[in-house]
Amino acid sequence: MPSRGFRVAVEEWTSADAERAWDVIVPVDLTTVFTGLKPAIPAVVGVREQSGDWDAAGQTRKIDLADGSHTGEVIKSCERPALFTYTVGPFSGPVGKLVDRAEGEFKFESMSDGTHVRWTYVWIPKRGGAPIVWVLSKIWRIYARRCILSLVKLAEPVK
């Protein structure tokens, strides 16, 4: 993870083993989890132009947002079932004027009774964007918490 920028980290536990947690969380349908937080964070409404199965470094996709903006995403590392890192950007719309990119990381730590999942997201501001991106990161923390709860719930084994 980069050292500059505004870091948001959330974590949760699931009773799923690390392989199942990975298999559910990494390729999740973004539209089912990233439903937005009005008025600041638009929902993901679609994913297009995805290269591959979203399971290898270098794969890319485009993400469409409810406000009409979009962004790109690229996998930086994919070390199943422990570490998944990616970069989001460039952003179109108003966020693109303030944010250079975002760096994301999922860590899956196996435990005797499940998996600890930690999601870190770092907003990297453009010159002059830091004050507003700092505020955005505070709002993102609320949103990220909601999202990780949804993700681990999806990963729970069916009983």
C-alpha atoms as a PDB file:
ATOM      1  CA  MET A   1       0.000   0.000   0.000  1.00  0.00           C
ATOM      2  CA  PRO A   2       1.307   3.482  -0.772  1.00  0.00           C
ATOM      3  CA  SER A   3       2.327   5.749   2.085  1.00  0.00           C
ATOM      4  CA  ARG A   4       0.737   8.961   0.789  1.00  0.00           C
ATOM      5  CA  GLY A   5      -2.983   9.426   0.581  1.00  0.00           C
ATOM      6  CA  PHE A   6      -5.905   8.846   2.886  1.00  0.00           C
ATOM      7  CA  ARG A   7      -6.084   5.288   4.185  1.00  0.00           C
ATOM      8  CA  VAL A   8      -9.317   3.600   5.174  1.00  0.00           C
ATOM      9  CA  ALA A   9      -9.173   0.092   6.644  1.00  0.00           C
ATOM     10  CA  VAL A  10     -12.069  -2.083   7.706  1.00  0.00           C
ATOM     11  CA  GLU A  11     -12.019  -5.661   8.863  1.00  0.00           C
ATOM     12  CA  GLU A  12     -14.425  -8.442   9.627  1.00  0.00           C
ATOM     13  CA  TRP A  13     -14.471 -12.135  10.380  1.00  0.00           C
ATOM     14  CA  THR A  14     -16.287 -14.908   8.526  1.00  0.00           C
ATOM     15  CA  SER A  15     -16.701 -18.555   9.460  1.00  0.00           C
ATOM     16  CA  ALA A  16     -15.812 -19.419   5.853  1.00  0.00           C
ATOM     17  CA  ASP A  17     -12.351 -20.769   5.184  1.00  0.00           C
ATOM     18  CA  ALA A  18      -9.943 -18.488   3.310  1.00  0.00           C
ATOM     19  CA  GLU A  19     -10.482 -20.216  -0.032  1.00  0.00           C
ATOM     20  CA  ARG A  20     -14.250 -19.760   0.123  1.00  0.00           C
ATOM     21  CA  ALA A  21     -13.938 -16.167   1.360  1.00  0.00           C
ATOM     22  CA  TRP A  22     -11.583 -15.404  -1.547  1.00  0.00           C
ATOM     23  CA  ASP A  23     -13.779 -17.191  -4.109  1.00  0.00           C
ATOM     24  CA  VAL A  24     -16.814 -15.131  -3.068  1.00  0.00           C
ATOM     25  CA  ILE A  25     -15.281 -11.734  -2.291  1.00  0.00           C
ATOM     26  CA  VAL A  26     -12.683 -11.213  -5.030  1.00  0.00           C
ATOM     27  CA  PRO A  27     -14.962 -11.839  -8.052  1.00  0.00           C
ATOM     28  CA  VAL A  28     -18.158 -10.506  -6.418  1.00  0.00           C
ATOM     29  CA  ASP A  29     -20.761  -8.836  -8.618  1.00  0.00           C
ATOM     30  CA  LEU A  30     -19.999  -5.228  -7.652  1.00  0.00           C
ATOM     31  CA  THR A  31     -23.598  -4.117  -8.279  1.00  0.00           C
ATOM     32  CA  THR A  32     -24.850  -6.332  -5.434  1.00  0.00           C
ATOM     33  CA  VAL A  33     -22.538  -4.915  -2.749  1.00  0.00           C
ATOM     34  CA  PHE A  34     -21.489  -1.418  -3.829  1.00  0.00           C
ATOM     35  CA  THR A  35     -24.952   0.134  -3.761  1.00  0.00           C
ATOM     36  CA  GLY A  36     -23.835   3.676  -2.945  1.00  0.00           C
ATOM     37  CA  LEU A  37     -24.172   6.067  -0.049  1.00  0.00           C
ATOM     38  CA  LYS A  38     -26.191   9.081  -1.112  1.00  0.00           C
ATOM     39  CA  PRO A  39     -25.420  11.812  -1.832  1.00  0.00           C
ATOM     40  CA  ALA A  40     -21.635  11.356  -1.740  1.00  0.00           C
ATOM     41  CA  ILE A  41     -20.912   7.896  -3.182  1.00  0.00           C
ATOM     42  CA  PRO A  42     -22.738   6.642  -6.281  1.00  0.00           C
ATOM     43  CA  ALA A  43     -23.684   2.986  -6.654  1.00  0.00           C
ATOM     44  CA  VAL A  44     -21.902   0.678  -9.065  1.00  0.00           C
ATOM     45  CA  VAL A  45     -24.409   0.015 -11.860  1.00  0.00           C
ATOM     46  CA  GLY A  46     -22.296  -2.089 -14.191  1.00  0.00           C
ATOM     47  CA  VAL A  47     -18.981  -3.637 -15.086  1.00  0.00           C
ATOM     48  CA  ARG A  48     -17.799  -3.905 -18.687  1.00  0.00           C
ATOM     49  CA  GLU A  49     -14.772  -4.770 -20.760  1.00  0.00           C
ATOM     50  CA  GLN A  50     -13.453  -7.158 -18.127  1.00  0.00           C
ATOM     51  CA  SER A  51     -10.346  -8.997 -19.291  1.00  0.00           C
ATOM     52  CA  GLY A  52     -10.302 -12.551 -17.953  1.00  0.00           C
ATOM     53  CA  ASP A  53     -11.963 -14.140 -14.944  1.00  0.00           C
ATOM     54  CA  TRP A  54     -10.717 -11.496 -12.479  1.00  0.00           C
ATOM     55  CA  ASP A  55      -8.105 -13.807 -11.090  1.00  0.00           C
ATOM     56  CA  ALA A  56      -4.696 -12.641 -12.365  1.00  0.00           C
ATOM     57  CA  ALA A  57      -2.444  -9.602 -12.126  1.00  0.00           C
ATOM     58  CA  GLY A  58      -2.825  -7.247 -15.078  1.00  0.00           C
ATOM     59  CA  GLN A  59      -6.514  -7.954 -15.739  1.00  0.00           C
ATOM     60  CA  THR A  60      -8.635  -4.829 -16.211  1.00  0.00           C
ATOM     61  CA  ARG A  61     -12.262  -3.715 -16.285  1.00  0.00           C
ATOM     62  CA  LYS A  62     -14.387  -0.576 -16.463  1.00  0.00           C
ATOM     63  CA  ILE A  63     -16.856   0.286 -13.702  1.00  0.00           C
ATOM     64  CA  ASP A  64     -19.969   2.360 -14.412  1.00  0.00           C
ATOM     65  CA  LEU A  65     -21.489   4.428 -11.589  1.00  0.00           C
ATOM     66  CA  ALA A  66     -25.045   5.615 -10.980  1.00  0.00           C
ATOM     67  CA  ASP A  67     -24.144   9.290 -11.453  1.00  0.00           C
ATOM     68  CA  GLY A  68     -23.013   8.618 -15.036  1.00  0.00           C
ATOM     69  CA  SER A  69     -19.316   8.612 -14.190  1.00  0.00           C
ATOM     70  CA  HIS A  70     -16.967   5.678 -14.632  1.00  0.00           C
ATOM     71  CA  THR A  71     -13.535   4.441 -13.663  1.00  0.00           C
ATOM     72  CA  GLY A  72     -11.055   1.740 -14.535  1.00  0.00           C
ATOM     73  CA  GLU A  73      -9.731  -1.016 -12.330  1.00  0.00           C
ATOM     74  CA  VAL A  74      -6.608  -3.165 -12.697  1.00  0.00           C
ATOM     75  CA  ILE A  75      -5.408  -6.103 -10.599  1.00  0.00           C
ATOM     76  CA  LYS A  76      -1.905  -5.482  -9.241  1.00  0.00           C
ATOM     77  CA  SER A  77      -1.420  -8.807  -7.437  1.00  0.00           C
ATOM     78  CA  CYS A  78      -3.493 -11.918  -6.998  1.00  0.00           C
ATOM     79  CA  GLU A  79      -2.130 -14.411  -4.441  1.00  0.00           C
ATOM     80  CA  ARG A  80      -5.029 -16.767  -3.715  1.00  0.00           C
ATOM     81  CA  PRO A  81      -6.168 -17.169  -0.960  1.00  0.00           C
ATOM     82  CA  ALA A  82      -4.199 -14.566   0.990  1.00  0.00           C
ATOM     83  CA  LEU A  83      -3.745 -11.255  -0.854  1.00  0.00           C
ATOM     84  CA  PHE A  84      -5.497  -9.324  -3.604  1.00  0.00           C
ATOM     85  CA  THR A  85      -4.417  -5.796  -4.577  1.00  0.00           C
ATOM     86  CA  TYR A  86      -5.794  -3.470  -7.219  1.00  0.00           C
ATOM     87  CA  THR A  87      -5.805   0.109  -8.469  1.00  0.00           C
ATOM     88  CA  VAL A  88      -8.921   2.124  -9.292  1.00  0.00           C
ATOM     89  CA  GLY A  89      -8.724   5.095 -11.653  1.00  0.00           C
ATOM     90  CA  PRO A  90      -8.653   7.324 -13.463  1.00  0.00           C
ATOM     91  CA  PHE A  91     -12.052   8.604 -12.387  1.00  0.00           C
ATOM     92  CA  SER A  92     -14.357  10.594 -14.625  1.00  0.00           C
ATOM     93  CA  GLY A  93     -16.730  13.228 -13.272  1.00  0.00           C
ATOM     94  CA  PRO A  94     -16.106  15.491 -10.283  1.00  0.00           C
ATOM     95  CA  VAL A  95     -14.060  12.905  -8.354  1.00  0.00           C
ATOM     96  CA  GLY A  96     -11.602  12.750 -11.250  1.00  0.00           C
ATOM     97  CA  LYS A  97     -10.738  16.395 -10.711  1.00  0.00           C
ATOM     98  CA  LEU A  98      -9.666  15.652  -7.119  1.00  0.00           C
ATOM     99  CA  VAL A  99      -8.483  12.034  -7.037  1.00  0.00           C
ATOM    100  CA  ASP A 100      -5.496  10.640  -8.909  1.00  0.00           C
ATOM    101  CA  ARG A 101      -6.361   7.027  -8.075  1.00  0.00           C
ATOM    102  CA  ALA A 102      -7.266   4.664  -5.264  1.00  0.00           C
ATOM    103  CA  GLU A 103      -5.242   1.639  -4.162  1.00  0.00           C
ATOM    104  CA  GLY A 104      -7.168  -1.306  -2.732  1.00  0.00           C
ATOM    105  CA  GLU A 105      -6.070  -4.387  -0.855  1.00  0.00           C
ATOM    106  CA  PHE A 106      -7.887  -7.422   0.527  1.00  0.00           C
ATOM    107  CA  LYS A 107      -6.017  -9.633   3.001  1.00  0.00           C
ATOM    108  CA  PHE A 108      -7.452 -13.000   3.999  1.00  0.00           C
ATOM    109  CA  GLU A 109      -5.973 -14.507   7.157  1.00  0.00           C
ATOM    110  CA  SER A 110      -6.880 -18.110   7.926  1.00  0.00           C
ATOM    111  CA  MET A 111      -7.889 -18.794  11.495  1.00  0.00           C
ATOM    112  CA  SER A 112      -8.900 -22.021  13.210  1.00  0.00           C
ATOM    113  CA  ASP A 113     -12.592 -21.143  13.012  1.00  0.00           C
ATOM    114  CA  GLY A 114     -12.772 -19.038   9.840  1.00  0.00           C
ATOM    115  CA  THR A 115     -11.087 -16.137   8.119  1.00  0.00           C
ATOM    116  CA  HIS A 116     -10.182 -12.595   9.114  1.00  0.00           C
ATOM    117  CA  VAL A 117     -10.783 -10.284   6.136  1.00  0.00           C
ATOM    118  CA  ARG A 118      -9.139  -6.850   6.032  1.00  0.00           C
ATOM    119  CA  TRP A 119      -9.940  -4.363   3.268  1.00  0.00           C
ATOM    120  CA  THR A 120      -7.694  -1.321   2.939  1.00  0.00           C
ATOM    121  CA  TYR A 121      -8.424   1.477   0.490  1.00  0.00           C
ATOM    122  CA  VAL A 122      -6.130   4.464  -0.018  1.00  0.00           C
ATOM    123  CA  TRP A 123      -7.386   7.574  -1.801  1.00  0.00           C
ATOM    124  CA  ILE A 124      -4.515   9.346  -3.581  1.00  0.00           C
ATOM    125  CA  PRO A 125      -5.456  13.007  -4.170  1.00  0.00           C
ATOM    126  CA  LYS A 126      -4.355  15.201  -7.038  1.00  0.00           C
ATOM    127  CA  ARG A 127      -2.547  18.446  -6.245  1.00  0.00           C
ATOM    128  CA  GLY A 128      -4.980  20.717  -4.412  1.00  0.00           C
ATOM    129  CA  GLY A 129      -7.511  17.934  -3.813  1.00  0.00           C
ATOM    130  CA  ALA A 130      -6.352  16.801  -0.376  1.00  0.00           C
ATOM    131  CA  PRO A 131      -8.882  18.703   1.793  1.00  0.00           C
ATOM    132  CA  ILE A 132     -11.904  17.350  -0.082  1.00  0.00           C
ATOM    133  CA  VAL A 133     -10.410  13.879  -0.512  1.00  0.00           C
ATOM    134  CA  TRP A 134      -9.827  13.792   3.259  1.00  0.00           C
ATOM    135  CA  VAL A 135     -13.576  14.376   3.729  1.00  0.00           C
ATOM    136  CA  LEU A 136     -14.337  11.754   1.074  1.00  0.00           C
ATOM    137  CA  SER A 137     -12.178   9.233   2.944  1.00  0.00           C
ATOM    138  CA  LYS A 138     -14.205   9.810   6.121  1.00  0.00           C
ATOM    139  CA  ILE A 139     -17.445   9.133   4.237  1.00  0.00           C
ATOM    140  CA  TRP A 140     -15.824   6.156   2.511  1.00  0.00           C
ATOM    141  CA  ARG A 141     -15.039   4.600   5.923  1.00  0.00           C
ATOM    142  CA  ILE A 142     -18.783   4.433   6.693  1.00  0.00           C
ATOM    143  CA  TYR A 143     -19.481   2.970   3.260  1.00  0.00           C
ATOM    144  CA  ALA A 144     -16.569   0.490   3.408  1.00  0.00           C
ATOM    145  CA  ARG A 145     -17.804  -0.826   6.739  1.00  0.00           C
ATOM    146  CA  ARG A 146     -21.235  -1.504   5.246  1.00  0.00           C
ATOM    147  CA  CYS A 147     -19.664  -3.148   2.185  1.00  0.00           C
ATOM    148  CA  ILE A 148     -17.353  -5.489   4.095  1.00  0.00           C
ATOM    149  CA  LEU A 149     -20.265  -6.651   6.234  1.00  0.00           C
ATOM    150  CA  SER A 150     -22.149  -7.524   3.042  1.00  0.00           C
ATOM    151  CA  LEU A 151     -19.119  -9.277   1.574  1.00  0.00           C
ATOM    152  CA  VAL A 152     -18.470 -11.540   4.569  1.00  0.00           C
ATOM    153  CA  LYS A 153     -22.172 -12.335   4.822  1.00  0.00           C
ATOM    154  CA  LEU A 154     -22.091 -13.559   1.217  1.00  0.00           C
ATOM    155  CA  ALA A 155     -19.042 -15.699   2.041  1.00  0.00           C
ATOM    156  CA  GLU A 156     -20.688 -17.494   4.964  1.00  0.00           C
ATOM    157  CA  PRO A 157     -21.070 -21.201   4.213  1.00  0.00           C
ATOM    158  CA  VAL A 158     -24.577 -22.394   3.395  1.00  0.00           C
ATOM    159  CA  LYS A 159     -25.887 -24.524   6.231  1.00  0.00           C
END
